[in-house]
N, C-alpha and C. Protein backbone atom coordinates (compact mmCIF):
# COMPACT_ATOMS: atom_id res chain seq x y z
N MET A 1 37.63 -6.73 -25.80
CA MET A 1 38.66 -6.31 -24.94
C MET A 1 39.35 -5.11 -25.57
N LYS A 2 40.15 -4.30 -24.81
CA LYS A 2 40.94 -3.22 -25.35
C LYS A 2 42.38 -3.70 -25.52
N ALA A 3 43.01 -3.21 -26.58
CA ALA A 3 44.34 -3.65 -26.94
C ALA A 3 45.05 -2.53 -27.67
N ALA A 4 46.40 -2.52 -27.57
CA ALA A 4 47.17 -1.62 -28.45
C ALA A 4 47.59 -2.57 -29.61
N TYR A 5 47.28 -2.12 -30.83
CA TYR A 5 47.67 -2.97 -31.96
C TYR A 5 48.11 -2.17 -33.15
N ILE A 6 48.65 -2.82 -34.14
CA ILE A 6 49.13 -2.14 -35.31
C ILE A 6 48.41 -2.69 -36.52
N GLU A 7 48.34 -1.85 -37.55
CA GLU A 7 47.69 -2.24 -38.83
C GLU A 7 48.74 -2.22 -39.99
N GLY A 8 49.95 -1.98 -39.62
CA GLY A 8 51.04 -2.03 -40.61
C GLY A 8 52.38 -1.81 -39.86
N PHE A 9 53.47 -1.94 -40.60
CA PHE A 9 54.73 -1.71 -39.92
C PHE A 9 55.02 -0.21 -39.76
N GLY A 10 55.83 0.12 -38.73
CA GLY A 10 56.18 1.48 -38.57
C GLY A 10 56.57 1.71 -37.14
N VAL A 11 56.61 3.03 -36.79
CA VAL A 11 57.06 3.51 -35.42
C VAL A 11 55.89 3.43 -34.43
N GLU A 12 56.14 3.94 -33.25
CA GLU A 12 55.13 3.87 -32.15
C GLU A 12 53.90 4.66 -32.47
N GLU A 13 53.99 5.59 -33.41
CA GLU A 13 52.76 6.39 -33.75
C GLU A 13 51.79 5.48 -34.53
N SER A 14 52.21 4.30 -34.92
CA SER A 14 51.36 3.35 -35.67
C SER A 14 50.40 2.58 -34.73
N PHE A 15 50.62 2.70 -33.50
CA PHE A 15 49.79 1.98 -32.46
C PHE A 15 48.34 2.56 -32.47
N ILE A 16 47.39 1.68 -32.38
CA ILE A 16 45.95 2.07 -32.27
C ILE A 16 45.53 1.44 -31.02
N TYR A 17 44.85 2.24 -30.16
CA TYR A 17 44.24 1.63 -28.96
C TYR A 17 42.78 1.56 -29.19
N GLY A 18 42.25 0.32 -29.09
CA GLY A 18 40.86 0.10 -29.50
C GLY A 18 40.43 -1.32 -29.15
N ASP A 19 39.24 -1.64 -29.60
CA ASP A 19 38.62 -2.88 -29.30
C ASP A 19 39.10 -3.95 -30.25
N ARG A 20 39.37 -5.12 -29.69
CA ARG A 20 39.73 -6.32 -30.42
C ARG A 20 38.92 -7.46 -29.75
N PRO A 21 38.74 -8.56 -30.63
CA PRO A 21 37.91 -9.71 -30.07
C PRO A 21 38.62 -10.38 -28.82
N ASP A 22 37.82 -10.78 -27.89
CA ASP A 22 38.42 -11.58 -26.75
C ASP A 22 39.04 -12.88 -27.34
N PRO A 23 40.22 -13.27 -26.79
CA PRO A 23 40.82 -14.48 -27.27
C PRO A 23 40.04 -15.73 -26.66
N THR A 24 40.11 -16.81 -27.49
CA THR A 24 39.46 -18.07 -26.97
C THR A 24 40.62 -19.00 -26.42
N VAL A 25 40.20 -19.76 -25.57
CA VAL A 25 41.15 -20.68 -24.86
C VAL A 25 41.05 -22.04 -25.42
N GLY A 26 42.18 -22.61 -25.84
CA GLY A 26 42.14 -23.92 -26.38
C GLY A 26 42.74 -24.97 -25.43
N PRO A 27 42.98 -26.12 -25.83
CA PRO A 27 43.59 -27.18 -24.98
C PRO A 27 44.99 -26.70 -24.52
N ARG A 28 45.30 -27.01 -23.29
CA ARG A 28 46.55 -26.71 -22.69
C ARG A 28 46.88 -25.22 -22.57
N GLN A 29 45.84 -24.42 -22.63
CA GLN A 29 45.95 -22.93 -22.44
C GLN A 29 45.21 -22.40 -21.32
N VAL A 30 45.66 -21.19 -20.88
CA VAL A 30 44.93 -20.42 -19.81
C VAL A 30 44.63 -19.06 -20.38
N LEU A 31 43.58 -18.44 -19.98
CA LEU A 31 43.23 -17.07 -20.30
C LEU A 31 43.73 -16.20 -19.17
N ILE A 32 44.52 -15.28 -19.41
CA ILE A 32 45.14 -14.37 -18.40
C ILE A 32 44.56 -12.98 -18.63
N ARG A 33 44.16 -12.37 -17.45
CA ARG A 33 43.81 -10.99 -17.42
C ARG A 33 45.10 -10.26 -17.10
N ILE A 34 45.64 -9.47 -18.07
CA ILE A 34 46.98 -8.94 -17.94
C ILE A 34 46.90 -7.77 -17.00
N LYS A 35 47.91 -7.75 -16.14
CA LYS A 35 48.09 -6.65 -15.14
C LYS A 35 49.33 -5.81 -15.42
N ALA A 36 50.29 -6.36 -16.05
CA ALA A 36 51.54 -5.64 -16.47
C ALA A 36 52.12 -6.35 -17.67
N THR A 37 52.81 -5.61 -18.54
CA THR A 37 53.41 -6.13 -19.70
C THR A 37 54.80 -5.49 -19.85
N GLY A 38 55.76 -6.18 -20.42
CA GLY A 38 57.08 -5.62 -20.64
C GLY A 38 57.16 -5.21 -22.12
N ILE A 39 58.17 -4.38 -22.46
CA ILE A 39 58.50 -4.09 -23.82
C ILE A 39 59.82 -4.68 -24.11
N ASN A 40 59.79 -5.63 -25.10
CA ASN A 40 60.95 -6.44 -25.35
C ASN A 40 61.58 -6.01 -26.72
N ARG A 41 62.83 -6.19 -26.89
CA ARG A 41 63.49 -5.75 -28.12
C ARG A 41 62.83 -6.49 -29.33
N LYS A 42 62.43 -7.67 -29.14
CA LYS A 42 61.71 -8.39 -30.23
C LYS A 42 60.41 -7.79 -30.65
N ASP A 43 59.75 -7.13 -29.68
CA ASP A 43 58.49 -6.36 -29.92
C ASP A 43 58.81 -5.25 -30.95
N LEU A 44 59.89 -4.49 -30.62
CA LEU A 44 60.25 -3.37 -31.44
C LEU A 44 60.69 -3.81 -32.82
N MET A 45 61.39 -4.89 -32.94
CA MET A 45 61.80 -5.40 -34.24
C MET A 45 60.59 -5.95 -35.05
N THR A 46 59.63 -6.56 -34.42
CA THR A 46 58.45 -7.04 -35.06
C THR A 46 57.70 -5.82 -35.66
N ARG A 47 57.44 -4.83 -34.81
CA ARG A 47 56.73 -3.62 -35.24
C ARG A 47 57.37 -2.89 -36.48
N GLU A 48 58.72 -3.00 -36.44
CA GLU A 48 59.48 -2.37 -37.61
C GLU A 48 59.45 -3.28 -38.83
N GLY A 49 58.92 -4.48 -38.75
CA GLY A 49 58.96 -5.43 -39.92
C GLY A 49 60.17 -6.41 -39.93
N ALA A 50 60.94 -6.35 -38.88
CA ALA A 50 62.17 -7.15 -38.85
C ALA A 50 62.03 -8.32 -37.89
N GLY A 51 60.75 -8.77 -37.62
CA GLY A 51 60.55 -9.76 -36.54
C GLY A 51 60.60 -11.20 -37.01
N GLY A 52 60.98 -11.45 -38.21
CA GLY A 52 61.20 -12.85 -38.61
C GLY A 52 59.93 -13.59 -38.89
N GLY A 53 58.93 -12.94 -39.38
CA GLY A 53 57.68 -13.64 -39.79
C GLY A 53 56.67 -13.86 -38.68
N VAL A 54 56.77 -13.23 -37.59
CA VAL A 54 55.88 -13.37 -36.45
C VAL A 54 54.43 -12.97 -36.83
N ILE A 55 54.36 -11.77 -37.54
CA ILE A 55 53.05 -11.30 -37.93
C ILE A 55 52.42 -12.09 -39.10
N HIS A 56 51.28 -12.65 -38.80
CA HIS A 56 50.59 -13.47 -39.87
C HIS A 56 49.66 -12.63 -40.55
N SER A 57 49.05 -11.62 -39.94
CA SER A 57 48.08 -10.69 -40.58
C SER A 57 47.91 -9.54 -39.66
N PHE A 58 47.31 -8.44 -40.25
CA PHE A 58 47.01 -7.27 -39.51
C PHE A 58 45.45 -7.20 -39.29
N PRO A 59 44.92 -6.52 -38.31
CA PRO A 59 45.66 -5.92 -37.19
C PRO A 59 46.36 -6.94 -36.32
N PHE A 60 47.47 -6.51 -35.65
CA PHE A 60 48.35 -7.40 -34.93
C PHE A 60 48.55 -6.87 -33.56
N VAL A 61 48.36 -7.69 -32.48
CA VAL A 61 48.62 -7.30 -31.11
C VAL A 61 50.01 -7.98 -30.73
N ASP A 62 50.97 -7.15 -30.44
CA ASP A 62 52.31 -7.64 -30.09
C ASP A 62 52.38 -7.76 -28.60
N GLY A 63 53.59 -8.10 -28.06
CA GLY A 63 53.77 -8.22 -26.63
C GLY A 63 54.06 -9.65 -26.18
N LEU A 64 55.35 -9.83 -25.78
CA LEU A 64 55.86 -11.22 -25.54
C LEU A 64 55.87 -11.60 -24.02
N GLU A 65 55.72 -10.67 -23.15
CA GLU A 65 55.90 -11.04 -21.73
C GLU A 65 54.84 -10.20 -20.90
N VAL A 66 54.21 -10.98 -20.01
CA VAL A 66 53.13 -10.35 -19.21
C VAL A 66 53.11 -10.95 -17.83
N SER A 67 52.43 -10.31 -16.92
CA SER A 67 52.00 -10.92 -15.65
C SER A 67 50.56 -10.59 -15.47
N GLY A 68 49.86 -11.51 -14.80
CA GLY A 68 48.43 -11.27 -14.62
C GLY A 68 47.75 -12.40 -13.79
N LEU A 69 46.44 -12.45 -13.98
CA LEU A 69 45.62 -13.36 -13.19
C LEU A 69 44.82 -14.33 -14.13
N ILE A 70 44.87 -15.57 -13.86
CA ILE A 70 44.16 -16.58 -14.63
C ILE A 70 42.67 -16.44 -14.49
N GLU A 71 41.94 -16.28 -15.58
CA GLU A 71 40.48 -16.24 -15.56
C GLU A 71 39.76 -17.50 -16.03
N VAL A 72 40.48 -18.23 -16.97
CA VAL A 72 39.87 -19.44 -17.52
C VAL A 72 41.02 -20.42 -17.65
N VAL A 73 40.76 -21.70 -17.28
CA VAL A 73 41.72 -22.80 -17.49
C VAL A 73 41.11 -23.70 -18.59
N GLY A 74 41.97 -23.87 -19.60
CA GLY A 74 41.50 -24.78 -20.72
C GLY A 74 41.59 -26.23 -20.48
N PRO A 75 40.98 -27.01 -21.37
CA PRO A 75 41.05 -28.47 -21.30
C PRO A 75 42.53 -29.01 -21.21
N GLY A 76 42.77 -29.96 -20.35
CA GLY A 76 44.13 -30.53 -20.17
C GLY A 76 45.08 -29.84 -19.27
N VAL A 77 44.60 -28.72 -18.74
CA VAL A 77 45.43 -27.98 -17.73
C VAL A 77 45.02 -28.41 -16.37
N THR A 78 46.00 -29.01 -15.66
CA THR A 78 45.59 -29.54 -14.26
C THR A 78 46.45 -28.84 -13.19
N ASP A 79 47.45 -28.10 -13.56
CA ASP A 79 48.25 -27.53 -12.49
C ASP A 79 48.23 -25.95 -12.49
N ARG A 80 47.18 -25.44 -13.08
CA ARG A 80 46.90 -23.97 -12.98
C ARG A 80 45.42 -23.89 -12.55
N ARG A 81 45.09 -22.75 -11.94
CA ARG A 81 43.67 -22.60 -11.43
C ARG A 81 43.22 -21.14 -11.66
N VAL A 82 41.89 -21.01 -11.70
CA VAL A 82 41.28 -19.67 -11.86
C VAL A 82 41.66 -18.89 -10.66
N GLY A 83 42.07 -17.59 -10.79
CA GLY A 83 42.49 -16.79 -9.74
C GLY A 83 43.99 -16.78 -9.41
N GLN A 84 44.64 -17.68 -10.05
CA GLN A 84 46.10 -17.84 -9.75
C GLN A 84 46.91 -16.69 -10.48
N ARG A 85 47.87 -16.08 -9.80
CA ARG A 85 48.73 -15.10 -10.36
C ARG A 85 49.84 -15.76 -11.04
N VAL A 86 50.21 -15.31 -12.28
CA VAL A 86 51.18 -15.89 -13.13
C VAL A 86 52.03 -14.87 -13.89
N VAL A 87 53.24 -15.24 -14.35
CA VAL A 87 53.97 -14.55 -15.36
C VAL A 87 53.94 -15.47 -16.57
N ALA A 88 54.00 -14.87 -17.68
CA ALA A 88 53.95 -15.72 -18.92
C ALA A 88 54.78 -15.10 -20.09
N THR A 89 55.41 -15.96 -20.82
CA THR A 89 56.08 -15.65 -22.03
C THR A 89 55.23 -16.11 -23.24
N LEU A 90 55.07 -15.18 -24.20
CA LEU A 90 54.04 -15.44 -25.28
C LEU A 90 54.74 -15.30 -26.65
N PRO A 91 54.12 -15.80 -27.68
CA PRO A 91 54.62 -15.53 -29.05
C PRO A 91 54.14 -14.11 -29.49
N TYR A 92 53.05 -13.59 -28.91
CA TYR A 92 52.45 -12.30 -29.22
C TYR A 92 51.23 -12.20 -28.42
N GLY A 93 50.64 -10.99 -28.44
CA GLY A 93 49.25 -10.76 -27.77
C GLY A 93 49.35 -10.09 -26.34
N GLY A 94 50.46 -9.70 -25.85
CA GLY A 94 50.60 -9.14 -24.48
C GLY A 94 50.13 -7.71 -24.33
N TYR A 95 49.93 -6.97 -25.42
CA TYR A 95 49.55 -5.56 -25.38
C TYR A 95 48.07 -5.48 -25.31
N ALA A 96 47.38 -6.19 -24.46
CA ALA A 96 45.95 -6.28 -24.38
C ALA A 96 45.47 -6.49 -23.02
N GLU A 97 44.18 -6.52 -22.80
CA GLU A 97 43.61 -6.74 -21.49
C GLU A 97 43.58 -8.26 -21.17
N LEU A 98 43.50 -9.07 -22.22
CA LEU A 98 43.43 -10.58 -22.09
C LEU A 98 44.27 -11.30 -23.13
N VAL A 99 44.75 -12.44 -22.68
CA VAL A 99 45.57 -13.19 -23.65
C VAL A 99 45.39 -14.73 -23.30
N ALA A 100 45.34 -15.48 -24.37
CA ALA A 100 45.26 -16.92 -24.19
C ALA A 100 46.75 -17.38 -24.31
N ALA A 101 47.23 -18.04 -23.23
CA ALA A 101 48.72 -18.42 -23.18
C ALA A 101 48.82 -19.93 -23.02
N ASN A 102 49.80 -20.43 -23.65
CA ASN A 102 50.08 -21.91 -23.40
C ASN A 102 50.55 -22.05 -21.98
N ARG A 103 49.90 -23.05 -21.37
CA ARG A 103 50.30 -23.29 -19.93
C ARG A 103 51.75 -23.51 -19.70
N ALA A 104 52.50 -24.10 -20.61
CA ALA A 104 53.89 -24.29 -20.48
C ALA A 104 54.66 -23.09 -20.43
N GLY A 105 54.13 -21.93 -20.96
CA GLY A 105 54.84 -20.70 -20.86
C GLY A 105 54.51 -19.82 -19.65
N THR A 106 53.79 -20.41 -18.68
CA THR A 106 53.43 -19.64 -17.53
C THR A 106 54.16 -20.20 -16.28
N VAL A 107 54.38 -19.29 -15.35
CA VAL A 107 55.01 -19.66 -14.08
C VAL A 107 54.17 -18.95 -13.02
N PRO A 108 53.91 -19.68 -11.85
CA PRO A 108 53.19 -19.00 -10.77
C PRO A 108 53.93 -17.83 -10.23
N LEU A 109 53.20 -16.76 -9.81
CA LEU A 109 53.78 -15.60 -9.26
C LEU A 109 53.37 -15.48 -7.84
N PRO A 110 54.40 -15.50 -6.89
CA PRO A 110 53.99 -15.38 -5.50
C PRO A 110 53.26 -14.06 -5.20
N ASP A 111 52.46 -14.13 -4.23
CA ASP A 111 51.64 -12.96 -3.82
C ASP A 111 52.57 -11.86 -3.37
N SER A 112 53.74 -12.14 -2.84
CA SER A 112 54.68 -11.11 -2.32
C SER A 112 55.28 -10.30 -3.42
N LEU A 113 55.19 -10.67 -4.66
CA LEU A 113 55.85 -9.91 -5.82
C LEU A 113 54.75 -9.11 -6.55
N PRO A 114 54.98 -7.79 -6.76
CA PRO A 114 53.99 -6.97 -7.48
C PRO A 114 54.10 -7.39 -9.03
N TYR A 115 52.96 -7.35 -9.63
CA TYR A 115 52.89 -7.59 -11.08
C TYR A 115 53.83 -6.72 -11.85
N ARG A 116 53.89 -5.47 -11.59
CA ARG A 116 54.69 -4.53 -12.45
C ARG A 116 56.29 -4.82 -12.27
N LEU A 117 56.72 -5.34 -11.20
CA LEU A 117 58.17 -5.54 -11.06
C LEU A 117 58.64 -6.82 -11.71
N VAL A 118 57.84 -7.72 -12.02
CA VAL A 118 58.25 -9.06 -12.55
C VAL A 118 58.56 -9.03 -13.98
N ARG A 119 57.72 -8.49 -14.82
CA ARG A 119 57.82 -8.52 -16.27
C ARG A 119 59.11 -7.88 -16.83
N PRO A 120 59.42 -6.72 -16.55
CA PRO A 120 60.59 -6.13 -17.12
C PRO A 120 61.91 -6.90 -16.90
N GLY A 121 62.01 -7.61 -15.81
CA GLY A 121 63.17 -8.31 -15.39
C GLY A 121 63.41 -9.59 -16.17
N GLN A 122 62.35 -10.19 -16.69
CA GLN A 122 62.44 -11.47 -17.44
C GLN A 122 63.28 -11.33 -18.72
N ASP A 123 63.24 -10.19 -19.40
CA ASP A 123 63.96 -10.02 -20.61
C ASP A 123 65.51 -10.26 -20.44
N GLY A 124 66.02 -10.04 -19.25
CA GLY A 124 67.35 -10.23 -19.06
C GLY A 124 67.79 -11.74 -19.04
N SER A 125 66.82 -12.62 -19.04
CA SER A 125 67.13 -14.13 -19.04
C SER A 125 67.35 -14.58 -20.45
N HIS A 126 67.11 -13.85 -21.45
CA HIS A 126 67.24 -14.42 -22.85
C HIS A 126 68.68 -14.61 -23.21
């Protein structure tokens, strides 16, 4: 998959756009094909090295909030389905084409709402 990732702390020039391994889906997770992502203050702090230990290793794909389409439903998930539109809050991984998200961090997205309008508004709920 394609992703925007960093290989060290720094400013936006430190982003690299390239190939990263596809995520694997575990129990109680769904795989989301990302259609839109927001930029959160926590993303900026993490990239600068002030994120409170979120980065475990480099290269690192940041991104806390996304909207997209479920492609795979993991074991133990009974209330989400392939093809369902969702918004999701993540610990990281949203600056990519795909992300494995905990089902508990997802909310169904009505067909009447565009992907791009939902993500930026969620940050106001923190």
